[in-house]
Structures are given as structure tokens and as C-alpha cells.
């Protein structure tokens, strides 16, 4: 999927019009349409603004990331990275336990 397709899919998933996205990114509706059709590619600055408006990472929008990560999750990851290693290890232990339990519960309800 190219950047234009991603912009279109993400914009529609957020129920945004091209005008809404253009305003949020600081460009016109017409240029958003041109990006979506693949006629032109946004500059890095505009792509960053579009990614911010669509609440995805620039890596995802540009095709480098395999999946989208919302801003809240990205902030949490950044905060975790700044923790003392011993605290981070405890947090990972707890998170892994919750994930394991959730997967187990899901497997038994199928």
C-alpha cells in the first residue's frame, strides 16, 4: 500500500473529509486529493502533519512500519523507555502476565 492509499484509508477510518485533513495538516483539500491519487508526494513536513492529524507514526504512513501505533501507546512506550531498568523489568513482567492471561481466556472461550 502506497502513502496515498494509506492516507485515504486512515482518513476514511477517522471519518474525516479531505478538507478536514487538509486543515489539520496545513494544506488544501485539493493537495490532499493529489496525495491520495498518487499524483504527488507530500514533503516530510507535510507528511508529519498528516501523520499527526491521523494519529499514526510517520514511519507507518511512509510504509516503514508494519502496523499503526496510536499516539497514546507511543507515549506510553516512550515513558517506559525512560524508566529505571529494574522498574521496567517489573512492568514487563506484569504486562506479560496480563497478556498471557488474556490470550488463555480467549483461547478457552472459542
N, C-alpha and C. Protein backbone atom coordinates (compact mmCIF):
# COMPACT_ATOMS: atom_id res chain seq x y z
N UNK A 1 0.86 -1.18 0.00
CA UNK A 1 0.00 0.00 0.00
C UNK A 1 0.90 1.24 0.00
N UNK A 2 0.66 2.15 -0.93
CA UNK A 2 1.48 3.36 -1.00
C UNK A 2 0.95 4.44 -0.04
N UNK A 3 1.68 5.53 0.06
CA UNK A 3 1.32 6.58 1.02
C UNK A 3 -0.06 7.18 0.72
N UNK A 4 -0.39 7.32 -0.55
CA UNK A 4 -1.70 7.86 -0.91
C UNK A 4 -2.83 6.96 -0.46
N UNK A 5 -2.65 5.64 -0.65
CA UNK A 5 -3.66 4.68 -0.21
C UNK A 5 -3.81 4.69 1.31
N UNK A 6 -2.67 4.82 2.00
CA UNK A 6 -2.73 4.86 3.46
C UNK A 6 -3.43 6.11 3.95
N UNK A 7 -3.13 7.24 3.33
CA UNK A 7 -3.80 8.49 3.72
C UNK A 7 -5.30 8.34 3.54
N UNK A 8 -5.72 7.80 2.40
CA UNK A 8 -7.14 7.62 2.12
C UNK A 8 -7.79 6.70 3.15
N UNK A 9 -7.18 5.55 3.39
CA UNK A 9 -7.76 4.57 4.31
C UNK A 9 -7.84 5.12 5.73
N UNK A 10 -6.78 5.77 6.18
CA UNK A 10 -6.77 6.31 7.55
C UNK A 10 -7.76 7.46 7.69
N UNK A 11 -7.82 8.31 6.67
CA UNK A 11 -8.75 9.44 6.70
C UNK A 11 -10.18 8.94 6.79
N UNK A 12 -10.51 7.96 5.96
CA UNK A 12 -11.87 7.42 5.96
C UNK A 12 -12.19 6.70 7.27
N UNK A 13 -11.20 6.00 7.83
CA UNK A 13 -11.41 5.31 9.10
C UNK A 13 -11.71 6.30 10.23
N UNK A 14 -11.20 7.52 10.11
CA UNK A 14 -11.45 8.55 11.11
C UNK A 14 -12.64 9.43 10.74
N UNK A 15 -13.34 9.05 9.66
CA UNK A 15 -14.50 9.82 9.18
C UNK A 15 -14.14 11.29 8.94
N UNK A 16 -12.97 11.50 8.36
CA UNK A 16 -12.53 12.86 8.04
C UNK A 16 -12.72 13.10 6.55
N UNK A 17 -13.06 14.31 6.21
CA UNK A 17 -13.10 14.69 4.80
C UNK A 17 -11.69 15.13 4.38
N UNK A 18 -11.50 15.25 3.08
CA UNK A 18 -10.22 15.77 2.60
C UNK A 18 -10.01 17.18 3.11
N UNK A 19 -11.07 17.95 3.20
CA UNK A 19 -10.99 19.32 3.73
C UNK A 19 -10.54 19.31 5.18
N UNK A 20 -11.14 18.42 6.00
CA UNK A 20 -10.76 18.32 7.41
C UNK A 20 -9.27 17.99 7.55
N UNK A 21 -8.83 17.00 6.79
CA UNK A 21 -7.43 16.58 6.86
C UNK A 21 -6.52 17.69 6.37
N UNK A 22 -6.92 18.35 5.30
CA UNK A 22 -6.12 19.45 4.78
C UNK A 22 -5.94 20.56 5.80
N UNK A 23 -7.03 20.92 6.48
CA UNK A 23 -6.94 21.96 7.52
C UNK A 23 -6.01 21.53 8.63
N UNK A 24 -6.13 20.29 9.07
CA UNK A 24 -5.30 19.78 10.16
C UNK A 24 -3.82 19.72 9.77
N UNK A 25 -3.56 19.46 8.48
CA UNK A 25 -2.18 19.32 8.01
C UNK A 25 -1.61 20.62 7.44
N UNK A 26 -2.46 21.63 7.31
CA UNK A 26 -1.99 22.91 6.79
C UNK A 26 -1.85 22.97 5.29
N UNK A 27 -2.65 22.15 4.60
CA UNK A 27 -2.65 22.17 3.13
C UNK A 27 -4.10 22.19 2.64
N UNK A 28 -4.28 22.36 1.35
CA UNK A 28 -5.63 22.43 0.79
C UNK A 28 -6.24 21.05 0.58
N UNK A 29 -7.55 21.03 0.41
CA UNK A 29 -8.26 19.80 0.10
C UNK A 29 -7.75 19.24 -1.22
N UNK A 30 -7.47 20.13 -2.15
CA UNK A 30 -7.01 19.70 -3.47
C UNK A 30 -5.70 18.93 -3.38
N UNK A 31 -4.78 19.41 -2.56
CA UNK A 31 -3.48 18.74 -2.46
C UNK A 31 -3.62 17.40 -1.75
N UNK A 32 -4.54 17.31 -0.78
CA UNK A 32 -4.81 16.01 -0.15
C UNK A 32 -5.30 15.02 -1.20
N UNK A 33 -6.18 15.47 -2.07
CA UNK A 33 -6.66 14.62 -3.17
C UNK A 33 -5.53 14.17 -4.07
N UNK A 34 -4.61 15.06 -4.36
CA UNK A 34 -3.47 14.71 -5.22
C UNK A 34 -2.56 13.69 -4.53
N UNK A 35 -2.37 13.84 -3.20
CA UNK A 35 -1.59 12.85 -2.46
C UNK A 35 -2.28 11.49 -2.52
N UNK A 36 -3.59 11.50 -2.29
CA UNK A 36 -4.35 10.24 -2.26
C UNK A 36 -4.34 9.54 -3.62
N UNK A 37 -4.36 10.30 -4.68
CA UNK A 37 -4.33 9.71 -6.03
C UNK A 37 -2.91 9.34 -6.47
N UNK A 38 -1.93 9.69 -5.68
CA UNK A 38 -0.54 9.38 -6.02
C UNK A 38 0.06 10.28 -7.07
N UNK A 39 -0.56 11.43 -7.32
CA UNK A 39 -0.04 12.36 -8.32
C UNK A 39 1.22 13.06 -7.83
N UNK A 40 1.26 13.34 -6.53
CA UNK A 40 2.42 13.96 -5.90
C UNK A 40 2.60 13.33 -4.53
N UNK A 41 3.78 13.51 -3.97
CA UNK A 41 4.05 13.02 -2.62
C UNK A 41 4.26 14.21 -1.70
N UNK A 42 3.80 14.10 -0.46
CA UNK A 42 3.97 15.22 0.47
C UNK A 42 5.43 15.37 0.90
N UNK A 43 5.80 16.58 1.25
CA UNK A 43 7.12 16.81 1.83
C UNK A 43 7.16 16.11 3.19
N UNK A 44 8.32 15.98 3.74
CA UNK A 44 8.45 15.34 5.06
C UNK A 44 7.64 16.13 6.09
N UNK A 45 7.72 17.43 6.03
CA UNK A 45 6.99 18.27 6.99
C UNK A 45 5.48 18.06 6.88
N UNK A 46 4.97 18.07 5.66
CA UNK A 46 3.53 17.87 5.46
C UNK A 46 3.13 16.44 5.83
N UNK A 47 3.96 15.47 5.48
CA UNK A 47 3.67 14.08 5.84
C UNK A 47 3.61 13.93 7.35
N UNK A 48 4.48 14.61 8.07
CA UNK A 48 4.46 14.58 9.54
C UNK A 48 3.16 15.19 10.05
N UNK A 49 2.73 16.30 9.47
CA UNK A 49 1.46 16.93 9.86
C UNK A 49 0.28 16.02 9.58
N UNK A 50 0.31 15.34 8.45
CA UNK A 50 -0.76 14.40 8.10
C UNK A 50 -0.76 13.23 9.09
N UNK A 51 0.41 12.68 9.37
CA UNK A 51 0.51 11.58 10.33
C UNK A 51 -0.03 12.01 11.70
N UNK A 52 0.32 13.21 12.13
CA UNK A 52 -0.17 13.71 13.41
C UNK A 52 -1.70 13.83 13.40
N UNK A 53 -2.23 14.37 12.31
CA UNK A 53 -3.69 14.55 12.19
C UNK A 53 -4.41 13.19 12.18
N UNK A 54 -3.77 12.19 11.60
CA UNK A 54 -4.38 10.86 11.51
C UNK A 54 -4.01 9.98 12.71
N UNK A 55 -3.20 10.53 13.60
CA UNK A 55 -2.78 9.85 14.83
C UNK A 55 -2.05 8.54 14.57
N UNK A 56 -1.10 8.59 13.62
CA UNK A 56 -0.23 7.47 13.34
C UNK A 56 1.20 7.98 13.30
N UNK A 57 2.14 7.06 13.30
CA UNK A 57 3.54 7.47 13.20
C UNK A 57 3.88 7.80 11.75
N UNK A 58 4.88 8.62 11.59
CA UNK A 58 5.35 8.94 10.24
C UNK A 58 5.90 7.68 9.57
N UNK A 59 6.55 6.81 10.35
CA UNK A 59 7.05 5.54 9.81
C UNK A 59 5.93 4.72 9.20
N UNK A 60 4.80 4.65 9.89
CA UNK A 60 3.68 3.87 9.36
C UNK A 60 3.16 4.50 8.08
N UNK A 61 2.98 5.81 8.12
CA UNK A 61 2.45 6.50 6.94
C UNK A 61 3.37 6.34 5.74
N UNK A 62 4.67 6.38 5.98
CA UNK A 62 5.64 6.28 4.89
C UNK A 62 5.88 4.84 4.45
N UNK A 63 5.30 3.87 5.17
CA UNK A 63 5.42 2.49 4.74
C UNK A 63 6.52 1.71 5.40
N UNK A 64 7.19 2.30 6.39
CA UNK A 64 8.29 1.62 7.05
C UNK A 64 7.82 0.73 8.20
N UNK A 65 6.73 1.08 8.84
CA UNK A 65 6.23 0.30 9.97
C UNK A 65 5.15 -0.66 9.49
N UNK A 66 5.13 -1.84 10.07
CA UNK A 66 4.18 -2.86 9.65
C UNK A 66 2.77 -2.58 10.13
N UNK A 67 2.64 -1.87 11.23
CA UNK A 67 1.31 -1.60 11.76
C UNK A 67 1.29 -0.22 12.39
N UNK A 68 0.11 0.27 12.56
CA UNK A 68 -0.07 1.59 13.14
C UNK A 68 -0.08 1.50 14.66
N UNK A 69 0.52 2.49 15.29
CA UNK A 69 0.52 2.59 16.75
C UNK A 69 -0.04 3.95 17.09
N UNK A 70 -1.09 3.94 17.93
CA UNK A 70 -1.71 5.22 18.27
C UNK A 70 -0.80 6.05 19.17
N UNK A 71 -1.08 7.33 19.24
CA UNK A 71 -0.22 8.25 19.98
C UNK A 71 -0.15 7.92 21.46
N UNK A 72 -1.24 7.47 22.05
CA UNK A 72 -1.25 7.13 23.46
C UNK A 72 -0.27 5.98 23.73
N UNK A 73 -0.28 4.97 22.86
CA UNK A 73 0.63 3.84 23.01
C UNK A 73 2.07 4.28 22.81
N UNK A 74 2.31 5.14 21.81
CA UNK A 74 3.67 5.65 21.58
C UNK A 74 4.18 6.42 22.80
N UNK A 75 3.33 7.22 23.41
CA UNK A 75 3.72 7.99 24.60
C UNK A 75 4.06 7.04 25.74
N UNK A 76 3.24 6.00 25.90
CA UNK A 76 3.49 5.01 26.95
C UNK A 76 4.83 4.31 26.72
N UNK A 77 5.11 3.95 25.48
CA UNK A 77 6.38 3.30 25.15
C UNK A 77 7.55 4.23 25.48
N UNK A 78 7.43 5.49 25.13
CA UNK A 78 8.49 6.44 25.44
C UNK A 78 8.69 6.58 26.94
N UNK A 79 7.60 6.64 27.69
CA UNK A 79 7.69 6.74 29.14
C UNK A 79 8.35 5.50 29.75
N UNK A 80 8.00 4.34 29.23
CA UNK A 80 8.59 3.09 29.72
C UNK A 80 10.09 3.07 29.45
N UNK A 81 10.49 3.53 28.28
CA UNK A 81 11.92 3.54 27.93
C UNK A 81 12.73 4.41 28.88
N UNK A 82 12.09 5.41 29.49
CA UNK A 82 12.79 6.32 30.40
C UNK A 82 12.85 5.81 31.84
N UNK A 83 12.16 4.71 32.13
CA UNK A 83 12.14 4.18 33.49
C UNK A 83 13.47 3.54 33.86
N UNK A 84 13.71 3.45 35.15
CA UNK A 84 14.86 2.72 35.66
C UNK A 84 14.73 1.27 35.20
N UNK A 85 15.82 0.62 34.80
CA UNK A 85 15.74 -0.76 34.28
C UNK A 85 15.05 -1.74 35.22
N UNK A 86 15.24 -1.62 36.52
CA UNK A 86 14.59 -2.56 37.45
C UNK A 86 13.07 -2.37 37.47
N UNK A 87 12.62 -1.13 37.37
CA UNK A 87 11.18 -0.85 37.33
C UNK A 87 10.61 -1.33 36.00
N UNK A 88 11.35 -1.08 34.92
CA UNK A 88 10.91 -1.52 33.59
C UNK A 88 10.76 -3.04 33.55
N UNK A 89 11.68 -3.77 34.17
CA UNK A 89 11.61 -5.22 34.21
C UNK A 89 10.35 -5.69 34.94
N UNK A 90 10.00 -5.05 36.04
CA UNK A 90 8.79 -5.40 36.79
C UNK A 90 7.55 -5.10 35.95
N UNK A 91 7.56 -3.98 35.25
CA UNK A 91 6.42 -3.61 34.41
C UNK A 91 6.25 -4.62 33.28
N UNK A 92 7.34 -5.05 32.66
CA UNK A 92 7.27 -6.05 31.60
C UNK A 92 6.73 -7.37 32.14
N UNK A 93 7.16 -7.76 33.34
CA UNK A 93 6.66 -8.99 33.95
C UNK A 93 5.15 -8.91 34.12
N UNK A 94 4.67 -7.79 34.65
CA UNK A 94 3.24 -7.61 34.86
C UNK A 94 2.47 -7.59 33.53
N UNK A 95 2.99 -6.85 32.56
CA UNK A 95 2.33 -6.76 31.25
C UNK A 95 2.27 -8.14 30.59
N UNK A 96 3.36 -8.89 30.65
CA UNK A 96 3.37 -10.23 30.06
C UNK A 96 2.38 -11.16 30.74
N UNK A 97 2.22 -11.03 32.05
CA UNK A 97 1.25 -11.86 32.77
C UNK A 97 -0.17 -11.52 32.33
N UNK A 98 -0.48 -10.25 32.21
CA UNK A 98 -1.82 -9.83 31.78
C UNK A 98 -2.09 -10.31 30.36
N UNK A 99 -1.13 -10.16 29.48
CA UNK A 99 -1.29 -10.60 28.08
C UNK A 99 -1.47 -12.12 28.02
N UNK A 100 -0.65 -12.85 28.75
CA UNK A 100 -0.76 -14.31 28.79
C UNK A 100 -2.15 -14.74 29.26
N UNK A 101 -2.62 -14.13 30.35
CA UNK A 101 -3.94 -14.46 30.90
C UNK A 101 -5.06 -14.14 29.90
N UNK A 102 -4.92 -13.01 29.22
CA UNK A 102 -5.92 -12.62 28.24
C UNK A 102 -5.97 -13.61 27.07
N UNK A 103 -4.80 -14.01 26.60
CA UNK A 103 -4.74 -14.98 25.50
C UNK A 103 -5.31 -16.34 25.92
N UNK A 104 -5.01 -16.73 27.14
CA UNK A 104 -5.53 -18.01 27.64
C UNK A 104 -7.05 -17.97 27.73
N UNK A 105 -7.57 -16.88 28.28
CA UNK A 105 -9.01 -16.73 28.40
C UNK A 105 -9.67 -16.75 27.02
N UNK A 106 -9.06 -16.06 26.08
CA UNK A 106 -9.60 -16.01 24.72
C UNK A 106 -9.60 -17.39 24.08
N UNK A 107 -8.54 -18.16 24.30
CA UNK A 107 -8.42 -19.49 23.71
C UNK A 107 -9.50 -20.43 24.25
N UNK A 108 -9.84 -20.28 25.52
CA UNK A 108 -10.83 -21.16 26.12
C UNK A 108 -12.27 -20.74 25.85
N UNK A 109 -12.47 -19.54 25.36
CA UNK A 109 -13.84 -19.09 25.06
C UNK A 109 -14.21 -19.34 23.60
N UNK A 110 -13.28 -19.82 22.82
CA UNK A 110 -13.56 -20.09 21.40
C UNK A 110 -14.20 -21.40 21.22
